[in-house]
Amino acid sequence: MTTTAPKSPRRTRRRQPTKQSEADVLLGAAIRTARKERGMTLVQVGAASGLSHPFLSQLEHGRARPSMRSLFQIAQALGTTQQELLAAARPPSDEVQRGSAAPLVDVDSGGARLLMQTPSGTGVTEFLGAPPQFEDFFRHSRHELLYVVSGSIDVEILDDQGISTITTLGPRDSIGYAGETDHRFRRHGPDPSVVLVVHTPDGPKSA
């Protein structure tokens, strides 16, 4: 079905302090390293990302955990990607990756972990669970593919005229689109979902 939907307003979510884990420390260190390599201060990253200085400081020290939205905002501010930050945060390991070997980033109703990141920049991220309601739209420069392993999700895509198309996907269904298209997804129905998100190094540019 098609509906007309305005873009969601930008907002910053406040997070409660979380119990520190190795994954939190590694991800915070990866963000701090990326920031320093670019010669940016926390204040500059905060201004560019729309996130607060205290939250970013806690995050870099592994005492806060980002959502995929806030990690996306940080990556955009640093001129990189969520997958690059997650890849830098992965501890050294063999090619075989066991269940919780990769840092798990919390989302509203589950988590996300990087399964693979190639030298060319192709990344595969596993989402465990999906938010029950649509959140802010994502937009980036790479092509994206969603593949549903289990459960069902609704995928919303906006065209250049602001017309919304919502597609429901079930197990083994997939959908691909240019990352520069506004997109987001939510859980469809009561059951949790597992979704693989594949990003190419560079997506097609808008005309």
C-alpha atoms as a PDB file:
ATOM      1  CA  MET A   1       0.000   0.000   0.000  1.00  0.00           C
ATOM      2  CA  THR A   2       1.095   3.606  -0.406  1.00  0.00           C
ATOM      3  CA  THR A   3       0.627   6.531   1.929  1.00  0.00           C
ATOM      4  CA  THR A   4       2.063  10.002   2.199  1.00  0.00           C
ATOM      5  CA  ALA A   5       4.296  10.341   5.231  1.00  0.00           C
ATOM      6  CA  PRO A   6       6.501  13.254   6.347  1.00  0.00           C
ATOM      7  CA  LYS A   7      10.016  12.621   7.542  1.00  0.00           C
ATOM      8  CA  SER A   8      10.284  12.032  11.266  1.00  0.00           C
ATOM      9  CA  PRO A   9      11.836  14.907  13.259  1.00  0.00           C
ATOM     10  CA  ARG A  10      15.377  14.471  14.450  1.00  0.00           C
ATOM     11  CA  ARG A  11      15.616  13.617  18.121  1.00  0.00           C
ATOM     12  CA  THR A  12      18.205  12.523  20.660  1.00  0.00           C
ATOM     13  CA  ARG A  13      17.321   9.659  22.938  1.00  0.00           C
ATOM     14  CA  ARG A  14      18.462   9.720  26.536  1.00  0.00           C
ATOM     15  CA  ARG A  15      19.971   6.457  27.746  1.00  0.00           C
ATOM     16  CA  GLN A  16      20.215   5.184  31.278  1.00  0.00           C
ATOM     17  CA  PRO A  17      23.660   4.068  32.516  1.00  0.00           C
ATOM     18  CA  THR A  18      24.342   0.488  31.497  1.00  0.00           C
ATOM     19  CA  LYS A  19      26.492  -2.225  32.989  1.00  0.00           C
ATOM     20  CA  GLN A  20      29.927  -2.066  31.402  1.00  0.00           C
ATOM     21  CA  SER A  21      30.941  -5.006  29.206  1.00  0.00           C
ATOM     22  CA  GLU A  22      33.961  -5.842  27.054  1.00  0.00           C
ATOM     23  CA  ALA A  23      31.885  -5.073  23.951  1.00  0.00           C
ATOM     24  CA  ASP A  24      31.011  -1.616  25.316  1.00  0.00           C
ATOM     25  CA  VAL A  25      34.672  -0.864  26.068  1.00  0.00           C
ATOM     26  CA  LEU A  26      35.836  -2.029  22.626  1.00  0.00           C
ATOM     27  CA  LEU A  27      33.191  -0.021  20.790  1.00  0.00           C
ATOM     28  CA  GLY A  28      33.904   3.082  22.868  1.00  0.00           C
ATOM     29  CA  ALA A  29      37.627   2.754  22.159  1.00  0.00           C
ATOM     30  CA  ALA A  30      36.941   2.371  18.430  1.00  0.00           C
ATOM     31  CA  ILE A  31      34.871   5.561  18.415  1.00  0.00           C
ATOM     32  CA  ARG A  32      37.507   7.458  20.412  1.00  0.00           C
ATOM     33  CA  THR A  33      40.278   6.285  18.057  1.00  0.00           C
ATOM     34  CA  ALA A  34      38.280   7.300  14.980  1.00  0.00           C
ATOM     35  CA  ARG A  35      37.568  10.715  16.488  1.00  0.00           C
ATOM     36  CA  LYS A  36      41.209  11.386  17.379  1.00  0.00           C
ATOM     37  CA  GLU A  37      42.422  10.205  13.968  1.00  0.00           C
ATOM     38  CA  ARG A  38      40.223  12.903  12.461  1.00  0.00           C
ATOM     39  CA  GLY A  39      41.431  15.555  14.898  1.00  0.00           C
ATOM     40  CA  MET A  40      37.945  16.167  16.277  1.00  0.00           C
ATOM     41  CA  THR A  41      36.924  17.030  19.828  1.00  0.00           C
ATOM     42  CA  LEU A  42      33.938  15.567  21.636  1.00  0.00           C
ATOM     43  CA  VAL A  43      32.245  18.953  21.345  1.00  0.00           C
ATOM     44  CA  GLN A  44      32.703  18.919  17.566  1.00  0.00           C
ATOM     45  CA  VAL A  45      31.362  15.379  17.245  1.00  0.00           C
ATOM     46  CA  GLY A  46      28.433  16.324  19.462  1.00  0.00           C
ATOM     47  CA  ALA A  47      27.603  19.336  17.319  1.00  0.00           C
ATOM     48  CA  ALA A  48      27.845  17.305  14.105  1.00  0.00           C
ATOM     49  CA  SER A  49      25.853  14.342  15.404  1.00  0.00           C
ATOM     50  CA  GLY A  50      23.255  16.095  17.538  1.00  0.00           C
ATOM     51  CA  LEU A  51      24.277  13.998  20.561  1.00  0.00           C
ATOM     52  CA  SER A  52      25.273  15.401  23.932  1.00  0.00           C
ATOM     53  CA  HIS A  53      28.885  15.793  25.068  1.00  0.00           C
ATOM     54  CA  PRO A  54      28.279  13.826  28.327  1.00  0.00           C
ATOM     55  CA  PHE A  55      26.712  10.913  26.417  1.00  0.00           C
ATOM     56  CA  LEU A  56      29.629  10.767  23.962  1.00  0.00           C
ATOM     57  CA  SER A  57      32.150  10.870  26.820  1.00  0.00           C
ATOM     58  CA  GLN A  58      30.375   8.028  28.628  1.00  0.00           C
ATOM     59  CA  LEU A  59      30.194   6.097  25.370  1.00  0.00           C
ATOM     60  CA  GLU A  60      33.912   6.419  24.648  1.00  0.00           C
ATOM     61  CA  HIS A  61      34.689   5.064  28.115  1.00  0.00           C
ATOM     62  CA  GLY A  62      32.376   2.090  27.686  1.00  0.00           C
ATOM     63  CA  ARG A  63      29.889   3.331  30.272  1.00  0.00           C
ATOM     64  CA  ALA A  64      27.039   3.959  27.807  1.00  0.00           C
ATOM     65  CA  ARG A  65      25.657   1.937  24.935  1.00  0.00           C
ATOM     66  CA  PRO A  66      24.429   3.527  21.686  1.00  0.00           C
ATOM     67  CA  SER A  67      21.327   2.672  19.723  1.00  0.00           C
ATOM     68  CA  MET A  68      21.780   1.975  16.018  1.00  0.00           C
ATOM     69  CA  ARG A  69      20.383   5.466  15.404  1.00  0.00           C
ATOM     70  CA  SER A  70      22.944   7.202  17.634  1.00  0.00           C
ATOM     71  CA  LEU A  71      25.770   5.027  16.246  1.00  0.00           C
ATOM     72  CA  PHE A  72      24.657   6.045  12.751  1.00  0.00           C
ATOM     73  CA  GLN A  73      24.767   9.723  13.767  1.00  0.00           C
ATOM     74  CA  ILE A  74      28.263   9.318  15.232  1.00  0.00           C
ATOM     75  CA  ALA A  75      29.504   7.513  12.129  1.00  0.00           C
ATOM     76  CA  GLN A  76      28.098  10.267   9.900  1.00  0.00           C
ATOM     77  CA  ALA A  77      29.817  12.923  12.020  1.00  0.00           C
ATOM     78  CA  LEU A  78      33.127  11.052  11.716  1.00  0.00           C
ATOM     79  CA  GLY A  79      32.756  10.462   7.983  1.00  0.00           C
ATOM     80  CA  THR A  80      32.600   6.696   8.366  1.00  0.00           C
ATOM     81  CA  THR A  81      29.949   3.974   8.766  1.00  0.00           C
ATOM     82  CA  GLN A  82      28.386   1.990  11.591  1.00  0.00           C
ATOM     83  CA  GLN A  83      29.943  -1.160  10.166  1.00  0.00           C
ATOM     84  CA  GLU A  84      33.442   0.350  10.140  1.00  0.00           C
ATOM     85  CA  LEU A  85      33.105   1.275  13.815  1.00  0.00           C
ATOM     86  CA  LEU A  86      31.752  -2.161  14.725  1.00  0.00           C
ATOM     87  CA  ALA A  87      34.544  -3.817  12.731  1.00  0.00           C
ATOM     88  CA  ALA A  88      37.174  -1.793  14.603  1.00  0.00           C
ATOM     89  CA  ALA A  89      35.542  -2.841  17.876  1.00  0.00           C
ATOM     90  CA  ARG A  90      35.687  -6.560  17.172  1.00  0.00           C
ATOM     91  CA  PRO A  91      38.281  -8.449  19.201  1.00  0.00           C
ATOM     92  CA  PRO A  92      40.826 -10.502  17.195  1.00  0.00           C
ATOM     93  CA  SER A  93      39.251 -13.835  16.289  1.00  0.00           C
ATOM     94  CA  ASP A  94      39.241 -16.648  13.776  1.00  0.00           C
ATOM     95  CA  GLU A  95      36.919 -16.630  10.766  1.00  0.00           C
ATOM     96  CA  VAL A  96      34.437 -18.719  12.750  1.00  0.00           C
ATOM     97  CA  GLN A  97      32.334 -16.365  14.861  1.00  0.00           C
ATOM     98  CA  ARG A  98      30.404 -17.751  17.801  1.00  0.00           C
ATOM     99  CA  GLY A  99      27.078 -16.363  19.022  1.00  0.00           C
ATOM    100  CA  SER A 100      28.171 -13.426  21.188  1.00  0.00           C
ATOM    101  CA  ALA A 101      31.696 -12.933  19.817  1.00  0.00           C
ATOM    102  CA  ALA A 102      30.900  -9.585  18.189  1.00  0.00           C
ATOM    103  CA  PRO A 103      29.901  -6.422  20.078  1.00  0.00           C
ATOM    104  CA  LEU A 104      26.123  -6.266  20.429  1.00  0.00           C
ATOM    105  CA  VAL A 105      24.600  -2.809  20.010  1.00  0.00           C
ATOM    106  CA  ASP A 106      21.240  -2.440  21.692  1.00  0.00           C
ATOM    107  CA  VAL A 107      18.124  -1.369  19.843  1.00  0.00           C
ATOM    108  CA  ASP A 108      14.634  -0.909  21.228  1.00  0.00           C
ATOM    109  CA  SER A 109      13.671  -4.577  21.205  1.00  0.00           C
ATOM    110  CA  GLY A 110      16.855  -6.536  20.577  1.00  0.00           C
ATOM    111  CA  GLY A 111      20.357  -5.915  19.296  1.00  0.00           C
ATOM    112  CA  ALA A 112      22.640  -5.782  16.269  1.00  0.00           C
ATOM    113  CA  ARG A 113      26.068  -7.275  15.593  1.00  0.00           C
ATOM    114  CA  LEU A 114      28.455  -7.120  12.674  1.00  0.00           C
ATOM    115  CA  LEU A 115      28.922 -10.555  11.088  1.00  0.00           C
ATOM    116  CA  MET A 116      31.359  -9.594   8.346  1.00  0.00           C
ATOM    117  CA  GLN A 117      33.205  -6.582   6.976  1.00  0.00           C
ATOM    118  CA  THR A 118      35.318  -7.044   3.840  1.00  0.00           C
ATOM    119  CA  PRO A 119      38.371  -4.876   3.027  1.00  0.00           C
ATOM    120  CA  SER A 120      36.358  -3.281   0.208  1.00  0.00           C
ATOM    121  CA  GLY A 121      33.658  -2.170   2.638  1.00  0.00           C
ATOM    122  CA  THR A 122      30.856  -4.679   2.086  1.00  0.00           C
ATOM    123  CA  GLY A 123      29.239  -5.392   5.451  1.00  0.00           C
ATOM    124  CA  VAL A 124      26.705  -7.860   6.833  1.00  0.00           C
ATOM    125  CA  THR A 125      24.907  -6.942  10.062  1.00  0.00           C
ATOM    126  CA  GLU A 126      22.509  -9.170  11.988  1.00  0.00           C
ATOM    127  CA  PHE A 127      19.544  -7.497  13.692  1.00  0.00           C
ATOM    128  CA  LEU A 128      17.989  -9.464  16.541  1.00  0.00           C
ATOM    129  CA  GLY A 129      14.542  -8.001  16.977  1.00  0.00           C
ATOM    130  CA  ALA A 130      13.099  -4.841  15.443  1.00  0.00           C
ATOM    131  CA  PRO A 131      11.353  -1.833  16.989  1.00  0.00           C
ATOM    132  CA  PRO A 132       7.570  -2.217  17.311  1.00  0.00           C
ATOM    133  CA  GLN A 133       7.057   1.230  15.782  1.00  0.00           C
ATOM    134  CA  PHE A 134       8.829   3.084  12.982  1.00  0.00           C
ATOM    135  CA  GLU A 135      11.717   5.280  14.155  1.00  0.00           C
ATOM    136  CA  ASP A 136      13.592   7.985  12.225  1.00  0.00           C
ATOM    137  CA  PHE A 137      14.478   7.317   8.599  1.00  0.00           C
ATOM    138  CA  PHE A 138      17.985   6.231   7.646  1.00  0.00           C
ATOM    139  CA  ARG A 139      19.824   7.642   4.615  1.00  0.00           C
ATOM    140  CA  HIS A 140      23.378   6.875   3.442  1.00  0.00           C
ATOM    141  CA  SER A 141      25.420   6.470   0.258  1.00  0.00           C
ATOM    142  CA  ARG A 142      25.507   2.675  -0.044  1.00  0.00           C
ATOM    143  CA  HIS A 143      23.131   0.133  -1.553  1.00  0.00           C
ATOM    144  CA  GLU A 144      21.287  -1.918   1.058  1.00  0.00           C
ATOM    145  CA  LEU A 145      19.682  -5.365   1.084  1.00  0.00           C
ATOM    146  CA  LEU A 146      17.395  -6.694   3.829  1.00  0.00           C
ATOM    147  CA  TYR A 147      16.934 -10.464   4.199  1.00  0.00           C
ATOM    148  CA  VAL A 148      14.481 -11.818   6.779  1.00  0.00           C
ATOM    149  CA  VAL A 149      15.712 -14.964   8.532  1.00  0.00           C
ATOM    150  CA  SER A 150      12.731 -15.300  10.870  1.00  0.00           C
ATOM    151  CA  GLY A 151       9.705 -13.296  11.943  1.00  0.00           C
ATOM    152  CA  SER A 152       8.138 -10.525   9.861  1.00  0.00           C
ATOM    153  CA  ILE A 153       8.951  -6.840   9.328  1.00  0.00           C
ATOM    154  CA  ASP A 154       7.442  -3.821   7.596  1.00  0.00           C
ATOM    155  CA  VAL A 155       9.862  -1.849   5.421  1.00  0.00           C
ATOM    156  CA  GLU A 156       8.995   1.767   4.611  1.00  0.00           C
ATOM    157  CA  ILE A 157      10.670   3.601   1.728  1.00  0.00           C
ATOM    158  CA  LEU A 158      10.075   7.221   0.672  1.00  0.00           C
ATOM    159  CA  ASP A 159      10.462   8.298  -2.941  1.00  0.00           C
ATOM    160  CA  ASP A 160      11.669  11.715  -4.085  1.00  0.00           C
ATOM    161  CA  GLN A 161       8.107  13.051  -3.895  1.00  0.00           C
ATOM    162  CA  GLY A 162       7.700  11.998  -0.265  1.00  0.00           C
ATOM    163  CA  ILE A 163       5.360   9.118  -1.157  1.00  0.00           C
ATOM    164  CA  SER A 164       5.665   6.229   1.290  1.00  0.00           C
ATOM    165  CA  THR A 165       5.598   2.574   0.278  1.00  0.00           C
ATOM    166  CA  ILE A 166       5.330  -0.008   3.063  1.00  0.00           C
ATOM    167  CA  THR A 167       6.195  -3.619   2.228  1.00  0.00           C
ATOM    168  CA  THR A 168       5.734  -6.552   4.603  1.00  0.00           C
ATOM    169  CA  LEU A 169       8.455  -9.218   4.497  1.00  0.00           C
ATOM    170  CA  GLY A 170       8.403 -12.694   6.032  1.00  0.00           C
ATOM    171  CA  PRO A 171      10.992 -15.481   6.375  1.00  0.00           C
ATOM    172  CA  ARG A 172      13.318 -15.765   3.334  1.00  0.00           C
ATOM    173  CA  ASP A 173      11.915 -12.566   1.787  1.00  0.00           C
ATOM    174  CA  SER A 174      14.314  -9.795   0.809  1.00  0.00           C
ATOM    175  CA  ILE A 175      14.291  -6.252  -0.527  1.00  0.00           C
ATOM    176  CA  GLY A 176      17.027  -4.025  -1.921  1.00  0.00           C
ATOM    177  CA  TYR A 177      17.219  -0.268  -2.446  1.00  0.00           C
ATOM    178  CA  ALA A 178      19.633   2.634  -2.768  1.00  0.00           C
ATOM    179  CA  GLY A 179      20.775   3.829   0.641  1.00  0.00           C
ATOM    180  CA  GLU A 180      20.181   7.437  -0.406  1.00  0.00           C
ATOM    181  CA  THR A 181      16.470   6.614  -0.330  1.00  0.00           C
ATOM    182  CA  ASP A 182      14.872   7.304   3.064  1.00  0.00           C
ATOM    183  CA  HIS A 183      14.197   3.912   4.637  1.00  0.00           C
ATOM    184  CA  ARG A 184      13.364   2.225   7.942  1.00  0.00           C
ATOM    185  CA  PHE A 185      11.767  -0.964   9.254  1.00  0.00           C
ATOM    186  CA  ARG A 186       9.704  -2.183  12.196  1.00  0.00           C
ATOM    187  CA  ARG A 187       8.418  -5.456  13.598  1.00  0.00           C
ATOM    188  CA  HIS A 188       5.270  -6.845  11.971  1.00  0.00           C
ATOM    189  CA  GLY A 189       3.167  -8.834  14.422  1.00  0.00           C
ATOM    190  CA  PRO A 190       4.039 -10.024  17.943  1.00  0.00           C
ATOM    191  CA  ASP A 191       6.921 -12.380  17.158  1.00  0.00           C
ATOM    192  CA  PRO A 192      10.577 -11.221  17.267  1.00  0.00           C
ATOM    193  CA  SER A 193      12.505 -11.093  14.017  1.00  0.00           C
ATOM    194  CA  VAL A 194      16.021 -11.831  12.826  1.00  0.00           C
ATOM    195  CA  VAL A 195      17.117  -9.736   9.840  1.00  0.00           C
ATOM    196  CA  LEU A 196      20.383  -9.612   7.894  1.00  0.00           C
ATOM    197  CA  VAL A 197      21.320  -6.207   6.460  1.00  0.00           C
ATOM    198  CA  VAL A 198      23.919  -6.175   3.674  1.00  0.00           C
ATOM    199  CA  HIS A 199      25.628  -2.932   2.642  1.00  0.00           C
ATOM    200  CA  THR A 200      27.742  -2.503  -0.482  1.00  0.00           C
ATOM    201  CA  PRO A 201      30.797  -0.195  -0.351  1.00  0.00           C
ATOM    202  CA  ASP A 202      29.106   2.520  -2.409  1.00  0.00           C
ATOM    203  CA  GLY A 203      25.494   2.888  -3.473  1.00  0.00           C
ATOM    204  CA  PRO A 204      24.197   4.511  -6.663  1.00  0.00           C
ATOM    205  CA  LYS A 205      24.137   8.271  -6.496  1.00  0.00           C
ATOM    206  CA  SER A 206      20.914  10.228  -6.715  1.00  0.00           C
ATOM    207  CA  ALA A 207      20.340  12.035  -9.982  1.00  0.00           C
END
